[in-house]
Amino acid sequence: MHYTLRQLRAALAVAHHGSFRRAADAVSMSQPALSLAVIELEAALGVSLFDRTSRMVRTTVVGEAFFSSLGRSLNDLDALVNEVGMIAQSRRGHVVISSIASVAGRLMPAVLIECAKQFPEVKLTLRDEVAARVIDVVRYGEADFGIVAKVEGALPEELVFEKLVEEAFYLVCVKNHRLARKRSVMWSELDNEGYVSFSTASGANAVVAEQVLLSGVKFGRVFDASQLSTVHAMLEAALGVGILPRMALPTEHHPALTYVPLVRPVLNRTLGVVRRKDRSFSPAAAAVKDILIAVAGVKTSK
């Protein structure tokens, strides 16, 4: 059985108006086109929906029952289509974001504030996790998208990475450290320094470890921590220096810590959004991503 929505609406209009001419005007069709649509529908159903005479059109017994149910069904369909349209326009929905700690703490508060202003009907859940966990969360569908630093070869094939911004790494140390007043610091100047690093589960650790190896730097005692707040606390205790990306830096007027650009070479990392290849963004998630892109551009340009 093959029929179209156009045929159903044409026949329902005839039943409602009791006239092919008035029905044709109501649905903006020519009368011959409407008549053909009704004939095709009756052929598809295998029944006559109307008794026709030269003076009048009247629904058959079968037609009466059919149109009674059809009217309700089409109303329900129209309501459903309108509801979907309203969701798309108002960006209603629940969006779950998984993010590495540095981005979650420094970038996402501004994103949450802007989302609340622009799309108050969107509920946001932020999950603060290490890079490996962000990948798993997105991979298994527990989050709409994730925010991580790009590491070559570390992304499962079912995920795709979309670049967000690039940011540089800096040397972080206490304000009375021998390197604190320099305008820039070369990697070779870090030999024998104590070093406070993120744990190996951190994406930043992988980027820095590769450059340390290439530069031939030999640190003194090394301390690992998995949380950014712990890394900052260990740096405040002068256990060593840190090498952190821009979004993981202490605040500009931090009472104990300062930061200096690292050069020769300058080290950057690429932050981006990860999502499943087989899952498109909902209207709400797409709206949040657009705000994330705008806020990230402002934050990394300062």
C-alpha atoms as a PDB file:
ATOM      1  CA  MET A   1       0.000   0.000   0.000  1.00  0.00           C
ATOM      2  CA  HIS A   2       1.452   3.340  -1.063  1.00  0.00           C
ATOM      3  CA  TYR A   3      -0.041   6.723  -0.214  1.00  0.00           C
ATOM      4  CA  THR A   4       1.232  10.205   0.531  1.00  0.00           C
ATOM      5  CA  LEU A   5       0.580  12.842   3.138  1.00  0.00           C
ATOM      6  CA  ARG A   6      -0.595  15.114   0.320  1.00  0.00           C
ATOM      7  CA  GLN A   7      -3.282  12.600  -0.650  1.00  0.00           C
ATOM      8  CA  LEU A   8      -4.433  12.206   2.966  1.00  0.00           C
ATOM      9  CA  ARG A   9      -4.741  15.960   3.478  1.00  0.00           C
ATOM     10  CA  ALA A  10      -6.597  16.359   0.176  1.00  0.00           C
ATOM     11  CA  ALA A  11      -9.154  13.695   1.049  1.00  0.00           C
ATOM     12  CA  LEU A  12      -9.624  15.050   4.582  1.00  0.00           C
ATOM     13  CA  ALA A  13     -10.306  18.511   3.135  1.00  0.00           C
ATOM     14  CA  VAL A  14     -13.024  17.089   0.862  1.00  0.00           C
ATOM     15  CA  ALA A  15     -14.625  15.314   3.824  1.00  0.00           C
ATOM     16  CA  HIS A  16     -14.514  18.513   5.884  1.00  0.00           C
ATOM     17  CA  HIS A  17     -15.863  20.877   3.201  1.00  0.00           C
ATOM     18  CA  GLY A  18     -18.211  18.467   1.397  1.00  0.00           C
ATOM     19  CA  SER A  19     -17.033  19.894  -1.904  1.00  0.00           C
ATOM     20  CA  PHE A  20     -14.078  19.279  -4.188  1.00  0.00           C
ATOM     21  CA  ARG A  21     -14.029  22.925  -5.219  1.00  0.00           C
ATOM     22  CA  ARG A  22     -13.958  24.315  -1.667  1.00  0.00           C
ATOM     23  CA  ALA A  23     -11.459  21.646  -0.585  1.00  0.00           C
ATOM     24  CA  ALA A  24      -9.147  22.561  -3.472  1.00  0.00           C
ATOM     25  CA  ASP A  25      -9.163  26.200  -2.394  1.00  0.00           C
ATOM     26  CA  ALA A  26      -8.503  25.225   1.227  1.00  0.00           C
ATOM     27  CA  VAL A  27      -5.390  23.170   0.464  1.00  0.00           C
ATOM     28  CA  SER A  28      -4.144  25.396  -2.389  1.00  0.00           C
ATOM     29  CA  MET A  29      -4.481  22.747  -5.097  1.00  0.00           C
ATOM     30  CA  SER A  30      -6.199  22.809  -8.453  1.00  0.00           C
ATOM     31  CA  GLN A  31      -9.471  20.875  -8.477  1.00  0.00           C
ATOM     32  CA  PRO A  32      -8.232  18.289 -11.022  1.00  0.00           C
ATOM     33  CA  ALA A  33      -5.086  17.697  -8.955  1.00  0.00           C
ATOM     34  CA  LEU A  34      -7.126  17.274  -5.778  1.00  0.00           C
ATOM     35  CA  SER A  35      -9.556  14.867  -7.486  1.00  0.00           C
ATOM     36  CA  LEU A  36      -6.627  12.792  -8.738  1.00  0.00           C
ATOM     37  CA  ALA A  37      -5.084  12.709  -5.268  1.00  0.00           C
ATOM     38  CA  VAL A  38      -8.351  11.391  -3.788  1.00  0.00           C
ATOM     39  CA  ILE A  39      -8.724   8.762  -6.527  1.00  0.00           C
ATOM     40  CA  GLU A  40      -5.144   7.571  -5.981  1.00  0.00           C
ATOM     41  CA  LEU A  41      -5.725   7.323  -2.216  1.00  0.00           C
ATOM     42  CA  GLU A  42      -8.912   5.280  -2.710  1.00  0.00           C
ATOM     43  CA  ALA A  43      -7.040   2.974  -5.076  1.00  0.00           C
ATOM     44  CA  ALA A  44      -4.239   2.512  -2.529  1.00  0.00           C
ATOM     45  CA  LEU A  45      -6.749   1.762   0.266  1.00  0.00           C
ATOM     46  CA  GLY A  46      -8.964  -0.409  -1.920  1.00  0.00           C
ATOM     47  CA  VAL A  47     -12.172   1.305  -0.754  1.00  0.00           C
ATOM     48  CA  SER A  48     -14.392   4.219  -1.765  1.00  0.00           C
ATOM     49  CA  LEU A  49     -14.210   7.095   0.660  1.00  0.00           C
ATOM     50  CA  PHE A  50     -16.894   9.226  -1.010  1.00  0.00           C
ATOM     51  CA  ASP A  51     -20.243   8.796  -2.747  1.00  0.00           C
ATOM     52  CA  ARG A  52     -20.283  11.292  -5.567  1.00  0.00           C
ATOM     53  CA  THR A  53     -23.267  12.718  -7.478  1.00  0.00           C
ATOM     54  CA  SER A  54     -23.570  15.698  -9.786  1.00  0.00           C
ATOM     55  CA  ARG A  55     -24.963  17.723  -6.892  1.00  0.00           C
ATOM     56  CA  MET A  56     -23.067  16.592  -3.817  1.00  0.00           C
ATOM     57  CA  VAL A  57     -20.184  14.676  -2.271  1.00  0.00           C
ATOM     58  CA  ARG A  58     -20.790  12.554   0.818  1.00  0.00           C
ATOM     59  CA  THR A  59     -18.461  10.286   2.787  1.00  0.00           C
ATOM     60  CA  THR A  60     -19.175   6.556   2.758  1.00  0.00           C
ATOM     61  CA  VAL A  61     -19.597   4.561   5.990  1.00  0.00           C
ATOM     62  CA  VAL A  62     -16.001   3.415   5.710  1.00  0.00           C
ATOM     63  CA  GLY A  63     -14.921   6.946   4.864  1.00  0.00           C
ATOM     64  CA  GLU A  64     -16.684   8.373   7.934  1.00  0.00           C
ATOM     65  CA  ALA A  65     -14.710   6.111  10.284  1.00  0.00           C
ATOM     66  CA  PHE A  66     -11.488   6.667   8.355  1.00  0.00           C
ATOM     67  CA  PHE A  67     -11.647  10.455   8.434  1.00  0.00           C
ATOM     68  CA  SER A  68     -12.562  10.535  12.113  1.00  0.00           C
ATOM     69  CA  SER A  69      -9.293   8.780  12.982  1.00  0.00           C
ATOM     70  CA  LEU A  70      -7.279  10.509  10.243  1.00  0.00           C
ATOM     71  CA  GLY A  71      -8.080  13.979  11.576  1.00  0.00           C
ATOM     72  CA  ARG A  72      -6.741  13.105  15.025  1.00  0.00           C
ATOM     73  CA  SER A  73      -3.638  11.430  13.572  1.00  0.00           C
ATOM     74  CA  LEU A  74      -2.752  14.400  11.375  1.00  0.00           C
ATOM     75  CA  ASN A  75      -3.269  16.791  14.295  1.00  0.00           C
ATOM     76  CA  ASP A  76      -0.885  14.676  16.386  1.00  0.00           C
ATOM     77  CA  LEU A  77       1.637  14.669  13.540  1.00  0.00           C
ATOM     78  CA  ASP A  78       1.441  18.449  13.166  1.00  0.00           C
ATOM     79  CA  ALA A  79       1.928  18.879  16.918  1.00  0.00           C
ATOM     80  CA  LEU A  80       4.977  16.605  16.840  1.00  0.00           C
ATOM     81  CA  VAL A  81       6.536  18.503  13.936  1.00  0.00           C
ATOM     82  CA  ASN A  82       5.902  21.820  15.701  1.00  0.00           C
ATOM     83  CA  GLU A  83       7.467  20.495  18.888  1.00  0.00           C
ATOM     84  CA  VAL A  84      10.633  19.444  17.066  1.00  0.00           C
ATOM     85  CA  GLY A  85      10.800  22.873  15.448  1.00  0.00           C
ATOM     86  CA  MET A  86      10.488  24.570  18.818  1.00  0.00           C
ATOM     87  CA  ILE A  87      13.289  22.407  20.247  1.00  0.00           C
ATOM     88  CA  ALA A  88      15.554  23.338  17.339  1.00  0.00           C
ATOM     89  CA  GLN A  89      14.802  27.058  17.674  1.00  0.00           C
ATOM     90  CA  SER A  90      14.952  27.340  21.455  1.00  0.00           C
ATOM     91  CA  ARG A  91      17.904  24.911  21.846  1.00  0.00           C
ATOM     92  CA  ARG A  92      16.149  23.031  24.644  1.00  0.00           C
ATOM     93  CA  GLY A  93      17.766  19.890  25.960  1.00  0.00           C
ATOM     94  CA  HIS A  94      20.465  18.383  28.192  1.00  0.00           C
ATOM     95  CA  VAL A  95      24.111  18.595  27.105  1.00  0.00           C
ATOM     96  CA  VAL A  96      26.883  16.621  28.818  1.00  0.00           C
ATOM     97  CA  ILE A  97      30.475  17.807  28.296  1.00  0.00           C
ATOM     98  CA  SER A  98      33.595  15.950  29.422  1.00  0.00           C
ATOM     99  CA  SER A  99      36.694  18.133  29.685  1.00  0.00           C
ATOM    100  CA  ILE A 100      40.293  18.005  30.804  1.00  0.00           C
ATOM    101  CA  ALA A 101      40.904  19.831  34.075  1.00  0.00           C
ATOM    102  CA  SER A 102      42.738  22.874  32.711  1.00  0.00           C
ATOM    103  CA  VAL A 103      39.927  23.714  30.296  1.00  0.00           C
ATOM    104  CA  ALA A 104      37.171  22.844  32.765  1.00  0.00           C
ATOM    105  CA  GLY A 105      38.551  25.200  35.393  1.00  0.00           C
ATOM    106  CA  ARG A 106      39.662  28.117  33.245  1.00  0.00           C
ATOM    107  CA  LEU A 107      37.431  28.121  30.157  1.00  0.00           C
ATOM    108  CA  MET A 108      34.165  26.391  30.991  1.00  0.00           C
ATOM    109  CA  PRO A 109      32.871  28.791  33.689  1.00  0.00           C
ATOM    110  CA  ALA A 110      32.635  31.534  31.048  1.00  0.00           C
ATOM    111  CA  VAL A 111      30.961  29.090  28.659  1.00  0.00           C
ATOM    112  CA  LEU A 112      28.393  28.121  31.304  1.00  0.00           C
ATOM    113  CA  ILE A 113      27.600  31.767  32.036  1.00  0.00           C
ATOM    114  CA  GLU A 114      27.133  32.602  28.348  1.00  0.00           C
ATOM    115  CA  CYS A 115      24.961  29.524  27.768  1.00  0.00           C
ATOM    116  CA  ALA A 116      22.732  30.500  30.680  1.00  0.00           C
ATOM    117  CA  LYS A 117      22.255  33.939  29.100  1.00  0.00           C
ATOM    118  CA  GLN A 118      21.591  32.785  25.543  1.00  0.00           C
ATOM    119  CA  PHE A 119      19.905  29.414  26.082  1.00  0.00           C
ATOM    120  CA  PRO A 120      18.358  29.249  29.554  1.00  0.00           C
ATOM    121  CA  GLU A 121      16.401  26.099  28.661  1.00  0.00           C
ATOM    122  CA  VAL A 122      19.586  24.107  28.021  1.00  0.00           C
ATOM    123  CA  LYS A 123      20.766  22.066  31.008  1.00  0.00           C
ATOM    124  CA  LEU A 124      24.554  21.637  31.086  1.00  0.00           C
ATOM    125  CA  THR A 125      26.492  18.939  32.921  1.00  0.00           C
ATOM    126  CA  LEU A 126      30.288  19.351  33.054  1.00  0.00           C
ATOM    127  CA  ARG A 127      32.519  16.365  33.838  1.00  0.00           C
ATOM    128  CA  ASP A 128      36.066  17.254  34.901  1.00  0.00           C
ATOM    129  CA  GLU A 129      38.365  14.332  33.982  1.00  0.00           C
ATOM    130  CA  VAL A 130      41.851  13.358  32.815  1.00  0.00           C
ATOM    131  CA  ALA A 131      42.389  13.134  29.051  1.00  0.00           C
ATOM    132  CA  ALA A 132      42.199   9.328  28.831  1.00  0.00           C
ATOM    133  CA  ARG A 133      38.900   9.327  30.678  1.00  0.00           C
ATOM    134  CA  VAL A 134      37.481  12.090  28.445  1.00  0.00           C
ATOM    135  CA  ILE A 135      38.155   9.900  25.415  1.00  0.00           C
ATOM    136  CA  ASP A 136      36.422   6.913  27.013  1.00  0.00           C
ATOM    137  CA  VAL A 137      33.410   8.934  28.127  1.00  0.00           C
ATOM    138  CA  VAL A 138      32.796  10.244  24.618  1.00  0.00           C
ATOM    139  CA  ARG A 139      33.601   6.914  22.988  1.00  0.00           C
ATOM    140  CA  TYR A 140      30.943   5.093  25.017  1.00  0.00           C
ATOM    141  CA  GLY A 141      28.288   7.771  24.568  1.00  0.00           C
ATOM    142  CA  GLU A 142      28.288   9.138  28.119  1.00  0.00           C
ATOM    143  CA  ALA A 143      28.878  12.711  26.896  1.00  0.00           C
ATOM    144  CA  ASP A 144      27.776  14.716  23.864  1.00  0.00           C
ATOM    145  CA  PHE A 145      31.372  15.776  23.269  1.00  0.00           C
ATOM    146  CA  GLY A 146      34.689  16.130  25.020  1.00  0.00           C
ATOM    147  CA  ILE A 147      37.476  18.707  25.161  1.00  0.00           C
ATOM    148  CA  VAL A 148      41.054  17.426  25.041  1.00  0.00           C
ATOM    149  CA  ALA A 149      44.501  18.280  23.753  1.00  0.00           C
ATOM    150  CA  LYS A 150      45.426  16.564  20.506  1.00  0.00           C
ATOM    151  CA  VAL A 151      47.953  13.751  20.866  1.00  0.00           C
ATOM    152  CA  GLU A 152      48.995  11.975  17.680  1.00  0.00           C
ATOM    153  CA  GLY A 153      47.820   8.386  17.515  1.00  0.00           C
ATOM    154  CA  ALA A 154      45.823   8.558  20.753  1.00  0.00           C
ATOM    155  CA  LEU A 155      42.326   8.838  19.293  1.00  0.00           C
ATOM    156  CA  PRO A 156      40.170   5.735  18.681  1.00  0.00           C
ATOM    157  CA  GLU A 157      38.987   5.364  15.083  1.00  0.00           C
ATOM    158  CA  GLU A 158      35.319   5.902  15.988  1.00  0.00           C
ATOM    159  CA  LEU A 159      36.058   9.424  17.251  1.00  0.00           C
ATOM    160  CA  VAL A 160      36.860  12.616  15.349  1.00  0.00           C
ATOM    161  CA  PHE A 161      38.883  15.616  16.597  1.00  0.00           C
ATOM    162  CA  GLU A 162      37.883  19.169  15.635  1.00  0.00           C
ATOM    163  CA  LYS A 163      40.444  21.876  16.378  1.00  0.00           C
ATOM    164  CA  LEU A 164      39.377  24.549  18.841  1.00  0.00           C
ATOM    165  CA  VAL A 165      42.459  26.684  19.621  1.00  0.00           C
ATOM    166  CA  GLU A 166      46.223  26.473  20.080  1.00  0.00           C
ATOM    167  CA  GLU A 167      47.930  27.591  23.266  1.00  0.00           C
ATOM    168  CA  ALA A 168      51.533  27.866  24.395  1.00  0.00           C
ATOM    169  CA  PHE A 169      53.261  26.274  27.387  1.00  0.00           C
ATOM    170  CA  TYR A 170      54.941  28.405  30.061  1.00  0.00           C
ATOM    171  CA  LEU A 171      57.396  27.889  32.856  1.00  0.00           C
ATOM    172  CA  VAL A 172      55.626  28.260  36.237  1.00  0.00           C
ATOM    173  CA  CYS A 173      57.551  28.875  39.465  1.00  0.00           C
ATOM    174  CA  VAL A 174      57.489  30.771  42.751  1.00  0.00           C
ATOM    175  CA  LYS A 175      58.131  34.490  42.436  1.00  0.00           C
ATOM    176  CA  ASN A 176      61.543  34.354  44.126  1.00  0.00           C
ATOM    177  CA  HIS A 177      62.868  31.635  41.820  1.00  0.00           C
ATOM    178  CA  ARG A 178      66.056  32.410  39.869  1.00  0.00           C
ATOM    179  CA  LEU A 179      64.120  32.241  36.554  1.00  0.00           C
ATOM    180  CA  ALA A 180      61.058  34.218  37.659  1.00  0.00           C
ATOM    181  CA  ARG A 181      62.255  37.650  36.494  1.00  0.00           C
ATOM    182  CA  LYS A 182      63.429  36.586  33.049  1.00  0.00           C
ATOM    183  CA  ARG A 183      61.454  37.708  29.989  1.00  0.00           C
ATOM    184  CA  SER A 184      61.700  34.197  28.558  1.00  0.00           C
ATOM    185  CA  VAL A 185      63.313  30.902  29.499  1.00  0.00           C
ATOM    186  CA  MET A 186      65.092  28.406  27.251  1.00  0.00           C
ATOM    187  CA  TRP A 187      64.601  24.686  27.825  1.00  0.00           C
ATOM    188  CA  SER A 188      68.337  24.272  28.369  1.00  0.00           C
ATOM    189  CA  GLU A 189      68.058  26.492  31.483  1.00  0.00           C
ATOM    190  CA  LEU A 190      65.882  23.909  33.230  1.00  0.00           C
ATOM    191  CA  ASP A 191      68.642  21.357  33.835  1.00  0.00           C
ATOM    192  CA  ASN A 192      68.792  20.056  37.434  1.00  0.00           C
ATOM    193  CA  GLU A 193      65.599  21.895  38.444  1.00  0.00           C
ATOM    194  CA  GLY A 194      63.022  20.034  40.498  1.00  0.00           C
ATOM    195  CA  TYR A 195      59.978  19.390  38.354  1.00  0.00           C
ATOM    196  CA  VAL A 196      56.270  19.222  39.219  1.00  0.00           C
ATOM    197  CA  SER A 197      54.281  17.536  36.462  1.00  0.00           C
ATOM    198  CA  PHE A 198      50.839  16.229  35.666  1.00  0.00           C
ATOM    199  CA  SER A 199      50.508  12.458  35.901  1.00  0.00           C
ATOM    200  CA  THR A 200      51.060  10.349  32.790  1.00  0.00           C
ATOM    201  CA  ALA A 201      47.266  10.193  32.311  1.00  0.00           C
ATOM    202  CA  SER A 202      47.335  13.884  31.435  1.00  0.00           C
ATOM    203  CA  GLY A 203      47.461  14.969  27.800  1.00  0.00           C
ATOM    204  CA  ALA A 204      49.751  17.885  28.762  1.00  0.00           C
ATOM    205  CA  ASN A 205      52.253  15.426  30.220  1.00  0.00           C
ATOM    206  CA  ALA A 206      52.656  13.648  26.878  1.00  0.00           C
ATOM    207  CA  VAL A 207      53.303  16.899  24.999  1.00  0.00           C
ATOM    208  CA  VAL A 208      55.852  18.162  27.544  1.00  0.00           C
ATOM    209  CA  ALA A 209      57.585  14.786  27.967  1.00  0.00           C
ATOM    210  CA  GLU A 210      58.271  14.602  24.234  1.00  0.00           C
ATOM    211  CA  GLN A 211      59.834  18.084  24.190  1.00  0.00           C
ATOM    212  CA  VAL A 212      61.897  17.373  27.325  1.00  0.00           C
ATOM    213  CA  LEU A 213      63.318  14.330  25.577  1.00  0.00           C
ATOM    214  CA  LEU A 214      64.057  16.276  22.390  1.00  0.00           C
ATOM    215  CA  SER A 215      65.696  19.124  24.359  1.00  0.00           C
ATOM    216  CA  GLY A 216      67.841  16.797  26.438  1.00  0.00           C
ATOM    217  CA  VAL A 217      66.710  18.400  29.711  1.00  0.00           C
ATOM    218  CA  LYS A 218      67.716  16.500  32.849  1.00  0.00           C
ATOM    219  CA  PHE A 219      65.442  17.436  35.752  1.00  0.00           C
ATOM    220  CA  GLY A 220      66.349  16.917  39.377  1.00  0.00           C
ATOM    221  CA  ARG A 221      63.667  15.359  41.563  1.00  0.00           C
ATOM    222  CA  VAL A 222      60.308  14.881  39.802  1.00  0.00           C
ATOM    223  CA  PHE A 223      56.890  15.087  41.494  1.00  0.00           C
ATOM    224  CA  ASP A 224      53.683  13.913  39.776  1.00  0.00           C
ATOM    225  CA  ALA A 225      50.094  14.992  40.464  1.00  0.00           C
ATOM    226  CA  SER A 226      46.854  14.240  38.636  1.00  0.00           C
ATOM    227  CA  GLN A 227      44.861  17.335  39.657  1.00  0.00           C
ATOM    228  CA  LEU A 228      45.699  20.880  38.596  1.00  0.00           C
ATOM    229  CA  SER A 229      44.986  22.265  42.062  1.00  0.00           C
ATOM    230  CA  THR A 230      47.541  19.832  43.501  1.00  0.00           C
ATOM    231  CA  VAL A 231      50.138  20.817  40.882  1.00  0.00           C
ATOM    232  CA  HIS A 232      49.670  24.482  41.838  1.00  0.00           C
ATOM    233  CA  ALA A 233      49.963  23.663  45.537  1.00  0.00           C
ATOM    234  CA  MET A 234      53.217  21.753  44.997  1.00  0.00           C
ATOM    235  CA  LEU A 235      54.597  24.648  42.945  1.00  0.00           C
ATOM    236  CA  GLU A 236      53.641  27.076  45.726  1.00  0.00           C
ATOM    237  CA  ALA A 237      55.628  24.871  48.111  1.00  0.00           C
ATOM    238  CA  ALA A 238      58.678  25.428  45.848  1.00  0.00           C
ATOM    239  CA  LEU A 239      59.134  21.713  45.194  1.00  0.00           C
ATOM    240  CA  GLY A 240      60.193  22.589  41.672  1.00  0.00           C
ATOM    241  CA  VAL A 241      59.116  24.325  38.494  1.00  0.00           C
ATOM    242  CA  GLY A 242      56.160  23.424  36.324  1.00  0.00           C
ATOM    243  CA  ILE A 243      55.536  23.509  32.582  1.00  0.00           C
ATOM    244  CA  LEU A 244      51.883  24.296  32.015  1.00  0.00           C
ATOM    245  CA  PRO A 245      49.678  25.313  29.071  1.00  0.00           C
ATOM    246  CA  ARG A 246      48.083  28.753  29.110  1.00  0.00           C
ATOM    247  CA  MET A 247      44.709  27.599  30.460  1.00  0.00           C
ATOM    248  CA  ALA A 248      46.384  25.788  33.346  1.00  0.00           C
ATOM    249  CA  LEU A 249      48.391  28.807  34.503  1.00  0.00           C
ATOM    250  CA  PRO A 250      47.876  30.397  37.922  1.00  0.00           C
ATOM    251  CA  THR A 251      45.899  33.636  37.951  1.00  0.00           C
ATOM    252  CA  GLU A 252      47.704  36.777  36.826  1.00  0.00           C
ATOM    253  CA  HIS A 253      47.915  38.222  40.339  1.00  0.00           C
ATOM    254  CA  HIS A 254      48.613  34.964  42.166  1.00  0.00           C
ATOM    255  CA  PRO A 255      50.300  35.760  45.513  1.00  0.00           C
ATOM    256  CA  ALA A 256      53.018  33.103  45.217  1.00  0.00           C
ATOM    257  CA  LEU A 257      53.383  31.972  41.610  1.00  0.00           C
ATOM    258  CA  THR A 258      54.361  33.569  38.332  1.00  0.00           C
ATOM    259  CA  TYR A 259      54.930  32.301  34.784  1.00  0.00           C
ATOM    260  CA  VAL A 260      57.420  32.986  31.988  1.00  0.00           C
ATOM    261  CA  PRO A 261      57.259  32.099  28.258  1.00  0.00           C
ATOM    262  CA  LEU A 262      59.313  29.069  27.216  1.00  0.00           C
ATOM    263  CA  VAL A 263      61.380  29.505  24.047  1.00  0.00           C
ATOM    264  CA  ARG A 264      63.849  27.686  21.814  1.00  0.00           C
ATOM    265  CA  PRO A 265      61.530  26.154  20.976  1.00  0.00           C
ATOM    266  CA  VAL A 266      58.107  27.572  21.783  1.00  0.00           C
ATOM    267  CA  LEU A 267      55.891  24.604  22.676  1.00  0.00           C
ATOM    268  CA  ASN A 268      52.195  24.628  21.805  1.00  0.00           C
ATOM    269  CA  ARG A 269      49.322  22.237  22.191  1.00  0.00           C
ATOM    270  CA  THR A 270      46.137  22.035  20.163  1.00  0.00           C
ATOM    271  CA  LEU A 271      42.859  21.904  22.056  1.00  0.00           C
ATOM    272  CA  GLY A 272      39.822  20.519  20.342  1.00  0.00           C
ATOM    273  CA  VAL A 273      36.420  18.931  20.560  1.00  0.00           C
ATOM    274  CA  VAL A 274      36.105  15.153  20.250  1.00  0.00           C
ATOM    275  CA  ARG A 275      32.877  13.431  19.271  1.00  0.00           C
ATOM    276  CA  ARG A 276      31.709  10.170  17.781  1.00  0.00           C
ATOM    277  CA  LYS A 277      31.788  10.037  13.982  1.00  0.00           C
ATOM    278  CA  ASP A 278      28.395   8.340  13.882  1.00  0.00           C
ATOM    279  CA  ARG A 279      26.584  10.840  16.117  1.00  0.00           C
ATOM    280  CA  SER A 280      25.572  14.324  15.007  1.00  0.00           C
ATOM    281  CA  PHE A 281      25.153  17.172  17.486  1.00  0.00           C
ATOM    282  CA  SER A 282      21.711  17.929  18.863  1.00  0.00           C
ATOM    283  CA  PRO A 283      20.598  21.563  18.381  1.00  0.00           C
ATOM    284  CA  ALA A 284      21.417  22.219  22.045  1.00  0.00           C
ATOM    285  CA  ALA A 285      24.882  20.640  21.818  1.00  0.00           C
ATOM    286  CA  ALA A 286      25.618  22.557  18.612  1.00  0.00           C
ATOM    287  CA  ALA A 287      24.678  25.823  20.349  1.00  0.00           C
ATOM    288  CA  VAL A 288      26.963  25.056  23.293  1.00  0.00           C
ATOM    289  CA  LYS A 289      29.822  24.191  20.950  1.00  0.00           C
ATOM    290  CA  ASP A 290      29.419  27.532  19.126  1.00  0.00           C
ATOM    291  CA  ILE A 291      29.652  29.386  22.438  1.00  0.00           C
ATOM    292  CA  LEU A 292      32.696  27.293  23.412  1.00  0.00           C
ATOM    293  CA  ILE A 293      34.483  28.277  20.189  1.00  0.00           C
ATOM    294  CA  ALA A 294      33.752  31.976  20.747  1.00  0.00           C
ATOM    295  CA  VAL A 295      34.853  31.967  24.402  1.00  0.00           C
ATOM    296  CA  ALA A 296      38.013  29.936  23.666  1.00  0.00           C
ATOM    297  CA  GLY A 297      39.066  32.468  21.050  1.00  0.00           C
ATOM    298  CA  VAL A 298      38.739  35.310  23.548  1.00  0.00           C
ATOM    299  CA  LYS A 299      40.492  33.488  26.390  1.00  0.00           C
ATOM    300  CA  THR A 300      43.527  32.399  24.396  1.00  0.00           C
ATOM    301  CA  SER A 301      43.970  35.830  22.781  1.00  0.00           C
ATOM    302  CA  LYS A 302      44.416  37.581  26.113  1.00  0.00           C
END
